[in-house]
Amino acid sequence: MTRALIRAVLFISLLALSFSIACTRDPFPNITLPVHPRAINADIKYNAPFNGAKAAAYKIRMPFPAQELTTFYDTELQKMGYERVSEDTIFTFKWMSFNYKSGEWEKTTTVEGARYTAAWVDRQKTNKIWLYIAYRYDGANAAWNVTPEVSINIAKVSDFKETK
């Protein structure tokens, strides 16, 4: 190989390595997303669900309506200095399920298809944390699972892109 080719390969390798390191860098190194102490298989991701965001996802064994879990997040985020923000039908701080007849999300008191969404912002209104809890149907056991999926995320308010 010629010297120029070796330099080119080395440059490309270093570029790929630096890109790989940049993708795994915590966009919010001073903020630890709260994860319930009984979380199962908690996983922290950087630049997820979109670039510049941070997410924690896990399951937890807790029967519906998981009051202990929703209270945990209200308490922990209040301690961190975050305030609740409610947005139409997206972040309601209520258990909702989709009504296929009306085509709308509606308040529910049953586990079937239930989801809980909530959001908080910091005092400066620069960072937004949003929470999603969902119970899923367990086809193998033909029952609604008592192990909801939990996702808590943070992003800059200016980077937050919501879809309706």
N, C-alpha and C. Protein backbone atom coordinates (compact mmCIF):
# COMPACT_ATOMS: atom_id res chain seq x y z
N MET A 1 0.83 -1.18 0.00
CA MET A 1 0.00 0.00 0.00
C MET A 1 0.88 1.25 0.00
N THR A 2 0.35 2.24 -0.62
CA THR A 2 1.08 3.50 -0.62
C THR A 2 0.80 4.26 0.66
N ARG A 3 1.66 5.21 0.94
CA ARG A 3 1.50 6.02 2.14
C ARG A 3 0.17 6.80 2.13
N ALA A 4 -0.22 7.32 1.01
CA ALA A 4 -1.47 8.09 0.88
C ALA A 4 -2.67 7.20 1.19
N LEU A 5 -2.63 5.97 0.71
CA LEU A 5 -3.74 5.05 0.96
C LEU A 5 -3.82 4.70 2.44
N ILE A 6 -2.66 4.48 3.06
CA ILE A 6 -2.63 4.16 4.49
C ILE A 6 -3.20 5.34 5.29
N ARG A 7 -2.80 6.55 4.94
CA ARG A 7 -3.32 7.74 5.62
C ARG A 7 -4.84 7.87 5.44
N ALA A 8 -5.33 7.60 4.24
CA ALA A 8 -6.76 7.69 3.96
C ALA A 8 -7.53 6.68 4.79
N VAL A 9 -7.04 5.44 4.85
CA VAL A 9 -7.71 4.39 5.64
C VAL A 9 -7.69 4.77 7.12
N LEU A 10 -6.55 5.27 7.60
CA LEU A 10 -6.43 5.68 8.99
C LEU A 10 -7.39 6.84 9.31
N PHE A 11 -7.46 7.82 8.40
CA PHE A 11 -8.35 8.96 8.59
C PHE A 11 -9.81 8.51 8.65
N ILE A 12 -10.22 7.64 7.73
CA ILE A 12 -11.60 7.14 7.71
C ILE A 12 -11.90 6.35 8.98
N SER A 13 -10.94 5.55 9.43
CA SER A 13 -11.14 4.77 10.66
C SER A 13 -11.31 5.68 11.87
N LEU A 14 -10.48 6.71 11.97
CA LEU A 14 -10.60 7.66 13.08
C LEU A 14 -11.91 8.44 13.01
N LEU A 15 -12.32 8.80 11.81
CA LEU A 15 -13.59 9.49 11.63
C LEU A 15 -14.76 8.61 12.08
N ALA A 16 -14.75 7.35 11.69
CA ALA A 16 -15.81 6.41 12.09
C ALA A 16 -15.81 6.21 13.60
N LEU A 17 -14.62 6.11 14.21
CA LEU A 17 -14.52 5.95 15.66
C LEU A 17 -15.06 7.18 16.38
N SER A 18 -14.71 8.37 15.93
CA SER A 18 -15.20 9.58 16.59
C SER A 18 -16.71 9.71 16.43
N PHE A 19 -17.24 9.32 15.28
CA PHE A 19 -18.69 9.34 15.08
C PHE A 19 -19.38 8.37 16.03
N SER A 20 -18.78 7.18 16.19
CA SER A 20 -19.33 6.18 17.09
C SER A 20 -19.33 6.68 18.53
N ILE A 21 -18.26 7.32 18.95
CA ILE A 21 -18.18 7.87 20.31
C ILE A 21 -19.19 8.99 20.48
N ALA A 22 -19.35 9.85 19.49
CA ALA A 22 -20.30 10.97 19.58
C ALA A 22 -21.72 10.46 19.73
N CYS A 23 -22.05 9.35 19.07
CA CYS A 23 -23.41 8.80 19.13
C CYS A 23 -23.71 8.21 20.50
N THR A 24 -22.69 7.84 21.26
CA THR A 24 -22.93 7.24 22.56
C THR A 24 -22.74 8.23 23.70
N ARG A 25 -22.47 9.47 23.39
CA ARG A 25 -22.30 10.50 24.42
C ARG A 25 -23.65 10.91 24.98
N ASP A 26 -23.71 11.06 26.28
CA ASP A 26 -24.93 11.45 26.97
C ASP A 26 -25.25 12.92 26.67
N PRO A 27 -26.39 13.20 26.01
CA PRO A 27 -26.73 14.59 25.72
C PRO A 27 -27.13 15.39 26.96
N PHE A 28 -27.41 14.69 28.06
CA PHE A 28 -27.79 15.34 29.33
C PHE A 28 -26.97 14.72 30.47
N PRO A 29 -25.65 14.95 30.49
CA PRO A 29 -24.80 14.28 31.48
C PRO A 29 -25.11 14.65 32.93
N ASN A 30 -25.72 15.80 33.16
CA ASN A 30 -26.01 16.24 34.53
C ASN A 30 -27.41 15.86 34.99
N ILE A 31 -28.16 15.15 34.15
CA ILE A 31 -29.53 14.76 34.49
C ILE A 31 -29.65 13.24 34.43
N THR A 32 -30.02 12.66 35.55
CA THR A 32 -30.26 11.22 35.62
C THR A 32 -31.77 11.01 35.57
N LEU A 33 -32.22 10.31 34.54
CA LEU A 33 -33.65 10.02 34.44
C LEU A 33 -34.04 9.06 35.56
N PRO A 34 -35.10 9.36 36.30
CA PRO A 34 -35.50 8.45 37.37
C PRO A 34 -36.03 7.14 36.80
N VAL A 35 -35.60 6.05 37.41
CA VAL A 35 -36.06 4.71 37.06
C VAL A 35 -36.53 4.07 38.35
N HIS A 36 -37.73 3.51 38.33
CA HIS A 36 -38.30 2.90 39.54
C HIS A 36 -37.35 1.82 40.07
N PRO A 37 -37.19 1.74 41.40
CA PRO A 37 -36.27 0.75 41.98
C PRO A 37 -36.59 -0.71 41.63
N ARG A 38 -37.83 -1.00 41.28
CA ARG A 38 -38.20 -2.38 40.94
C ARG A 38 -38.19 -2.62 39.42
N ALA A 39 -37.54 -1.76 38.68
CA ALA A 39 -37.49 -1.88 37.22
C ALA A 39 -36.84 -3.21 36.81
N ILE A 40 -37.36 -3.76 35.72
CA ILE A 40 -36.82 -5.00 35.15
C ILE A 40 -36.16 -4.65 33.82
N ASN A 41 -34.89 -5.03 33.67
CA ASN A 41 -34.14 -4.83 32.42
C ASN A 41 -34.13 -3.36 31.98
N ALA A 42 -33.79 -2.46 32.88
CA ALA A 42 -33.72 -1.04 32.51
C ALA A 42 -32.60 -0.82 31.50
N ASP A 43 -32.88 0.00 30.50
CA ASP A 43 -31.93 0.28 29.43
C ASP A 43 -31.92 1.78 29.17
N ILE A 44 -30.75 2.39 29.19
CA ILE A 44 -30.60 3.82 28.92
C ILE A 44 -30.06 3.97 27.49
N LYS A 45 -30.68 4.85 26.72
CA LYS A 45 -30.24 5.10 25.34
C LYS A 45 -29.99 6.59 25.15
N TYR A 46 -28.93 6.90 24.40
CA TYR A 46 -28.63 8.28 24.05
C TYR A 46 -29.02 8.51 22.59
N ASN A 47 -29.47 9.72 22.30
CA ASN A 47 -29.94 10.08 20.97
C ASN A 47 -31.12 9.21 20.57
N ALA A 48 -31.97 8.92 21.53
CA ALA A 48 -33.19 8.15 21.29
C ALA A 48 -34.28 8.77 22.15
N PRO A 49 -35.47 8.91 21.70
CA PRO A 49 -36.03 8.45 20.44
C PRO A 49 -35.64 9.29 19.23
N PHE A 50 -34.92 10.40 19.43
CA PHE A 50 -34.40 11.16 18.30
C PHE A 50 -33.08 11.80 18.73
N ASN A 51 -32.33 12.31 17.77
CA ASN A 51 -31.02 12.89 18.04
C ASN A 51 -31.13 14.03 19.05
N GLY A 52 -30.27 13.99 20.08
CA GLY A 52 -30.27 15.02 21.10
C GLY A 52 -31.12 14.67 22.31
N ALA A 53 -31.78 13.52 22.29
CA ALA A 53 -32.64 13.10 23.40
C ALA A 53 -31.96 11.97 24.17
N LYS A 54 -32.52 11.67 25.33
CA LYS A 54 -32.05 10.56 26.16
C LYS A 54 -33.28 9.82 26.64
N ALA A 55 -33.20 8.49 26.71
CA ALA A 55 -34.36 7.70 27.10
C ALA A 55 -33.96 6.57 28.04
N ALA A 56 -34.88 6.21 28.91
CA ALA A 56 -34.75 5.02 29.75
C ALA A 56 -36.02 4.20 29.53
N ALA A 57 -35.84 2.92 29.32
CA ALA A 57 -36.99 2.04 29.09
C ALA A 57 -36.83 0.79 29.95
N TYR A 58 -37.95 0.31 30.44
CA TYR A 58 -37.93 -0.90 31.26
C TYR A 58 -39.34 -1.44 31.42
N LYS A 59 -39.43 -2.61 32.05
CA LYS A 59 -40.72 -3.18 32.44
C LYS A 59 -40.73 -3.23 33.96
N ILE A 60 -41.93 -3.33 34.50
CA ILE A 60 -42.07 -3.42 35.96
C ILE A 60 -43.32 -4.24 36.26
N ARG A 61 -43.22 -5.11 37.22
CA ARG A 61 -44.39 -5.92 37.59
C ARG A 61 -45.23 -5.10 38.55
N MET A 62 -46.36 -4.61 38.05
CA MET A 62 -47.23 -3.76 38.85
C MET A 62 -48.63 -3.78 38.23
N PRO A 63 -49.62 -4.22 38.98
CA PRO A 63 -50.97 -4.28 38.42
C PRO A 63 -51.55 -2.89 38.12
N PHE A 64 -52.43 -2.87 37.15
CA PHE A 64 -53.14 -1.65 36.77
C PHE A 64 -53.94 -1.15 37.97
N PRO A 65 -53.96 0.13 38.24
CA PRO A 65 -53.51 1.28 37.47
C PRO A 65 -52.13 1.81 37.83
N ALA A 66 -51.31 1.02 38.49
CA ALA A 66 -49.91 1.37 38.78
C ALA A 66 -49.78 2.73 39.47
N GLN A 67 -50.60 2.96 40.46
CA GLN A 67 -50.58 4.23 41.20
C GLN A 67 -49.21 4.50 41.81
N GLU A 68 -48.58 3.46 42.32
CA GLU A 68 -47.23 3.63 42.90
C GLU A 68 -46.24 4.16 41.86
N LEU A 69 -46.35 3.71 40.63
CA LEU A 69 -45.45 4.13 39.56
C LEU A 69 -45.70 5.58 39.14
N THR A 70 -46.96 5.95 38.95
CA THR A 70 -47.25 7.32 38.53
C THR A 70 -46.91 8.31 39.65
N THR A 71 -47.13 7.93 40.89
CA THR A 71 -46.77 8.78 42.04
C THR A 71 -45.24 8.91 42.14
N PHE A 72 -44.53 7.82 41.89
CA PHE A 72 -43.07 7.84 41.90
C PHE A 72 -42.55 8.91 40.95
N TYR A 73 -43.07 8.95 39.73
CA TYR A 73 -42.59 9.94 38.75
C TYR A 73 -42.98 11.37 39.14
N ASP A 74 -44.19 11.56 39.62
CA ASP A 74 -44.57 12.91 40.07
C ASP A 74 -43.63 13.40 41.16
N THR A 75 -43.35 12.53 42.13
CA THR A 75 -42.50 12.89 43.26
C THR A 75 -41.06 13.16 42.83
N GLU A 76 -40.49 12.23 42.06
CA GLU A 76 -39.09 12.36 41.65
C GLU A 76 -38.86 13.58 40.76
N LEU A 77 -39.76 13.83 39.83
CA LEU A 77 -39.57 14.97 38.93
C LEU A 77 -39.81 16.29 39.64
N GLN A 78 -40.69 16.30 40.61
CA GLN A 78 -40.88 17.51 41.42
C GLN A 78 -39.61 17.80 42.21
N LYS A 79 -38.97 16.75 42.77
CA LYS A 79 -37.71 16.92 43.49
C LYS A 79 -36.62 17.50 42.58
N MET A 80 -36.67 17.13 41.29
CA MET A 80 -35.67 17.61 40.32
C MET A 80 -35.98 19.02 39.83
N GLY A 81 -37.12 19.59 40.27
CA GLY A 81 -37.47 20.95 39.88
C GLY A 81 -38.29 21.04 38.61
N TYR A 82 -38.94 19.96 38.24
CA TYR A 82 -39.77 19.96 37.02
C TYR A 82 -41.23 20.18 37.39
N GLU A 83 -41.95 20.85 36.49
CA GLU A 83 -43.38 21.15 36.67
C GLU A 83 -44.19 20.39 35.63
N ARG A 84 -45.37 19.95 36.03
CA ARG A 84 -46.27 19.27 35.09
C ARG A 84 -46.66 20.19 33.95
N VAL A 85 -46.79 19.61 32.75
CA VAL A 85 -47.32 20.34 31.61
C VAL A 85 -48.31 19.40 30.91
N SER A 86 -49.51 19.89 30.71
CA SER A 86 -50.56 19.08 30.09
C SER A 86 -50.83 19.63 28.69
N GLU A 87 -50.90 18.74 27.72
CA GLU A 87 -51.11 19.16 26.34
C GLU A 87 -52.23 18.34 25.70
N ASP A 88 -53.39 18.93 25.62
CA ASP A 88 -54.54 18.31 24.95
C ASP A 88 -54.69 16.84 25.31
N THR A 89 -54.68 15.99 24.30
CA THR A 89 -54.85 14.55 24.52
C THR A 89 -53.53 13.81 24.52
N ILE A 90 -52.39 14.53 24.40
CA ILE A 90 -51.11 13.83 24.34
C ILE A 90 -50.60 13.52 25.75
N PHE A 91 -50.39 14.53 26.58
CA PHE A 91 -49.88 14.33 27.93
C PHE A 91 -50.98 14.69 28.92
N THR A 92 -51.75 13.71 29.32
CA THR A 92 -52.97 13.96 30.08
C THR A 92 -52.85 13.66 31.58
N PHE A 93 -51.81 12.91 31.99
CA PHE A 93 -51.69 12.45 33.37
C PHE A 93 -52.89 11.58 33.75
N LYS A 94 -53.44 10.88 32.78
CA LYS A 94 -54.59 9.99 33.00
C LYS A 94 -54.37 8.70 32.22
N TRP A 95 -55.03 7.65 32.67
CA TRP A 95 -55.03 6.40 31.91
C TRP A 95 -56.04 6.54 30.80
N MET A 96 -55.59 6.26 29.57
CA MET A 96 -56.44 6.40 28.39
C MET A 96 -56.41 5.10 27.58
N SER A 97 -57.46 4.87 26.81
CA SER A 97 -57.47 3.77 25.84
C SER A 97 -58.13 4.28 24.57
N PHE A 98 -57.81 3.65 23.48
CA PHE A 98 -58.32 4.11 22.19
C PHE A 98 -59.69 3.50 21.93
N ASN A 99 -60.66 4.35 21.63
CA ASN A 99 -62.01 3.91 21.29
C ASN A 99 -62.09 3.84 19.76
N TYR A 100 -62.16 2.63 19.24
CA TYR A 100 -62.16 2.45 17.79
C TYR A 100 -63.45 2.94 17.14
N LYS A 101 -64.53 3.02 17.90
CA LYS A 101 -65.78 3.53 17.34
C LYS A 101 -65.72 5.04 17.12
N SER A 102 -65.20 5.76 18.12
CA SER A 102 -65.15 7.22 18.01
C SER A 102 -63.86 7.71 17.34
N GLY A 103 -62.84 6.85 17.35
CA GLY A 103 -61.55 7.25 16.79
C GLY A 103 -60.78 8.18 17.72
N GLU A 104 -61.10 8.16 19.01
CA GLU A 104 -60.49 9.07 19.99
C GLU A 104 -59.90 8.29 21.16
N TRP A 105 -58.90 8.90 21.80
CA TRP A 105 -58.41 8.38 23.07
C TRP A 105 -59.35 8.85 24.16
N GLU A 106 -59.74 7.93 25.05
CA GLU A 106 -60.69 8.25 26.11
C GLU A 106 -60.19 7.74 27.45
N LYS A 107 -60.59 8.42 28.53
CA LYS A 107 -60.21 8.02 29.87
C LYS A 107 -60.72 6.60 30.12
N THR A 108 -59.90 5.79 30.82
CA THR A 108 -60.29 4.41 31.08
C THR A 108 -60.02 4.04 32.53
N THR A 109 -60.74 3.04 33.00
CA THR A 109 -60.52 2.50 34.34
C THR A 109 -60.19 1.02 34.26
N THR A 110 -59.95 0.52 33.03
CA THR A 110 -59.61 -0.90 32.85
C THR A 110 -58.26 -1.02 32.15
N VAL A 111 -57.62 -2.15 32.30
CA VAL A 111 -56.28 -2.38 31.78
C VAL A 111 -56.25 -2.56 30.25
N GLU A 112 -57.33 -2.99 29.64
CA GLU A 112 -57.33 -3.31 28.22
C GLU A 112 -56.91 -2.11 27.37
N GLY A 113 -55.71 -2.20 26.80
CA GLY A 113 -55.20 -1.15 25.92
C GLY A 113 -54.83 0.15 26.62
N ALA A 114 -54.68 0.09 27.92
CA ALA A 114 -54.44 1.31 28.70
C ALA A 114 -53.03 1.86 28.49
N ARG A 115 -52.96 3.19 28.40
CA ARG A 115 -51.67 3.88 28.35
C ARG A 115 -51.77 5.12 29.23
N TYR A 116 -50.64 5.52 29.78
CA TYR A 116 -50.55 6.71 30.62
C TYR A 116 -49.45 7.59 30.03
N THR A 117 -49.77 8.84 29.78
CA THR A 117 -48.78 9.76 29.24
C THR A 117 -48.74 11.01 30.11
N ALA A 118 -47.53 11.52 30.31
CA ALA A 118 -47.36 12.71 31.14
C ALA A 118 -46.10 13.44 30.69
N ALA A 119 -46.03 14.72 30.99
CA ALA A 119 -44.84 15.51 30.65
C ALA A 119 -44.58 16.57 31.70
N TRP A 120 -43.31 16.91 31.84
CA TRP A 120 -42.87 17.93 32.77
C TRP A 120 -41.83 18.81 32.07
N VAL A 121 -41.71 20.06 32.49
CA VAL A 121 -40.65 20.94 31.99
C VAL A 121 -39.90 21.52 33.18
N ASP A 122 -38.64 21.88 32.95
CA ASP A 122 -37.87 22.51 34.02
C ASP A 122 -38.33 23.95 34.19
N ARG A 123 -37.86 24.59 35.24
CA ARG A 123 -38.32 25.96 35.55
C ARG A 123 -37.97 26.96 34.45
N GLN A 124 -36.86 26.71 33.74
CA GLN A 124 -36.46 27.61 32.66
C GLN A 124 -37.18 27.31 31.35
N LYS A 125 -37.97 26.26 31.35
CA LYS A 125 -38.72 25.81 30.16
C LYS A 125 -37.76 25.46 29.00
N THR A 126 -36.59 24.91 29.35
CA THR A 126 -35.63 24.52 28.31
C THR A 126 -35.61 23.01 28.08
N ASN A 127 -35.86 22.22 29.13
CA ASN A 127 -35.86 20.76 29.01
C ASN A 127 -37.24 20.20 29.27
N LYS A 128 -37.59 19.18 28.51
CA LYS A 128 -38.89 18.53 28.68
C LYS A 128 -38.67 17.04 28.91
N ILE A 129 -39.34 16.52 29.93
CA ILE A 129 -39.32 15.09 30.22
C ILE A 129 -40.71 14.55 29.97
N TRP A 130 -40.81 13.45 29.23
CA TRP A 130 -42.12 12.86 29.02
C TRP A 130 -42.08 11.37 29.34
N LEU A 131 -43.21 10.89 29.83
CA LEU A 131 -43.37 9.53 30.34
C LEU A 131 -44.46 8.81 29.56
N TYR A 132 -44.20 7.55 29.27
CA TYR A 132 -45.19 6.71 28.58
C TYR A 132 -45.21 5.37 29.29
N ILE A 133 -46.39 4.95 29.75
CA ILE A 133 -46.57 3.65 30.38
C ILE A 133 -47.68 2.94 29.61
N ALA A 134 -47.45 1.69 29.23
CA ALA A 134 -48.48 0.97 28.46
C ALA A 134 -48.55 -0.49 28.88
N TYR A 135 -49.78 -0.94 29.04
CA TYR A 135 -50.04 -2.36 29.27
C TYR A 135 -50.29 -3.01 27.92
N ARG A 136 -49.71 -4.19 27.71
CA ARG A 136 -49.84 -4.90 26.44
C ARG A 136 -50.57 -6.22 26.64
N TYR A 137 -51.22 -6.65 25.57
CA TYR A 137 -51.90 -7.95 25.59
C TYR A 137 -50.86 -9.05 25.46
N ASP A 138 -50.94 -10.04 26.31
CA ASP A 138 -50.03 -11.18 26.29
C ASP A 138 -50.72 -12.32 25.54
N GLY A 139 -50.42 -12.44 24.26
CA GLY A 139 -51.06 -13.46 23.43
C GLY A 139 -50.78 -14.87 23.88
N ALA A 140 -49.59 -15.13 24.43
CA ALA A 140 -49.24 -16.47 24.87
C ALA A 140 -50.12 -16.93 26.02
N ASN A 141 -50.50 -16.00 26.89
CA ASN A 141 -51.35 -16.35 28.04
C ASN A 141 -52.79 -15.90 27.86
N ALA A 142 -53.09 -15.32 26.71
CA ALA A 142 -54.44 -14.82 26.41
C ALA A 142 -54.98 -13.95 27.54
N ALA A 143 -54.15 -12.99 27.97
CA ALA A 143 -54.56 -12.09 29.06
C ALA A 143 -53.80 -10.77 28.93
N TRP A 144 -54.31 -9.76 29.62
CA TRP A 144 -53.59 -8.48 29.67
C TRP A 144 -52.47 -8.61 30.67
N ASN A 145 -51.28 -8.23 30.27
CA ASN A 145 -50.09 -8.37 31.06
C ASN A 145 -50.12 -7.43 32.27
N VAL A 146 -49.58 -7.88 33.40
CA VAL A 146 -49.46 -7.00 34.57
C VAL A 146 -48.04 -6.44 34.67
N THR A 147 -47.31 -6.50 33.57
CA THR A 147 -45.96 -5.96 33.51
C THR A 147 -45.94 -4.87 32.45
N PRO A 148 -46.29 -3.64 32.82
CA PRO A 148 -46.32 -2.57 31.81
C PRO A 148 -44.93 -2.20 31.32
N GLU A 149 -44.90 -1.65 30.11
CA GLU A 149 -43.68 -1.11 29.54
C GLU A 149 -43.62 0.37 29.91
N VAL A 150 -42.45 0.81 30.35
CA VAL A 150 -42.27 2.19 30.79
C VAL A 150 -41.16 2.83 29.96
N SER A 151 -41.41 4.04 29.52
CA SER A 151 -40.39 4.81 28.80
C SER A 151 -40.41 6.24 29.33
N ILE A 152 -39.25 6.71 29.77
CA ILE A 152 -39.13 8.10 30.21
C ILE A 152 -38.02 8.72 29.38
N ASN A 153 -38.27 9.92 28.87
CA ASN A 153 -37.38 10.56 27.91
C ASN A 153 -37.15 12.02 28.27
N ILE A 154 -36.02 12.56 27.81
CA ILE A 154 -35.74 13.98 27.99
C ILE A 154 -35.16 14.53 26.69
N ALA A 155 -35.54 15.77 26.38
CA ALA A 155 -35.00 16.48 25.23
C ALA A 155 -35.12 17.97 25.49
N LYS A 156 -34.39 18.74 24.75
CA LYS A 156 -34.54 20.20 24.80
C LYS A 156 -35.92 20.53 24.25
N VAL A 157 -36.60 21.47 24.88
CA VAL A 157 -37.92 21.88 24.40
C VAL A 157 -37.83 22.31 22.94
N SER A 158 -36.76 23.00 22.58
CA SER A 158 -36.61 23.48 21.20
C SER A 158 -36.41 22.34 20.20
N ASP A 159 -35.93 21.17 20.66
CA ASP A 159 -35.72 20.02 19.77
C ASP A 159 -36.92 19.09 19.72
N PHE A 160 -37.85 19.30 20.65
CA PHE A 160 -38.97 18.37 20.77
C PHE A 160 -39.91 18.52 19.57
N LYS A 161 -40.10 17.40 18.89
CA LYS A 161 -41.00 17.39 17.74
C LYS A 161 -42.09 16.39 18.05
N GLU A 162 -43.31 16.86 18.18
CA GLU A 162 -44.40 15.95 18.49
C GLU A 162 -45.23 15.71 17.25
N THR A 163 -45.79 14.52 17.19
CA THR A 163 -46.68 14.17 16.09
C THR A 163 -48.04 13.86 16.66
N LYS A 164 -49.06 14.31 15.97
CA LYS A 164 -50.42 14.03 16.42
C LYS A 164 -51.10 13.11 15.45
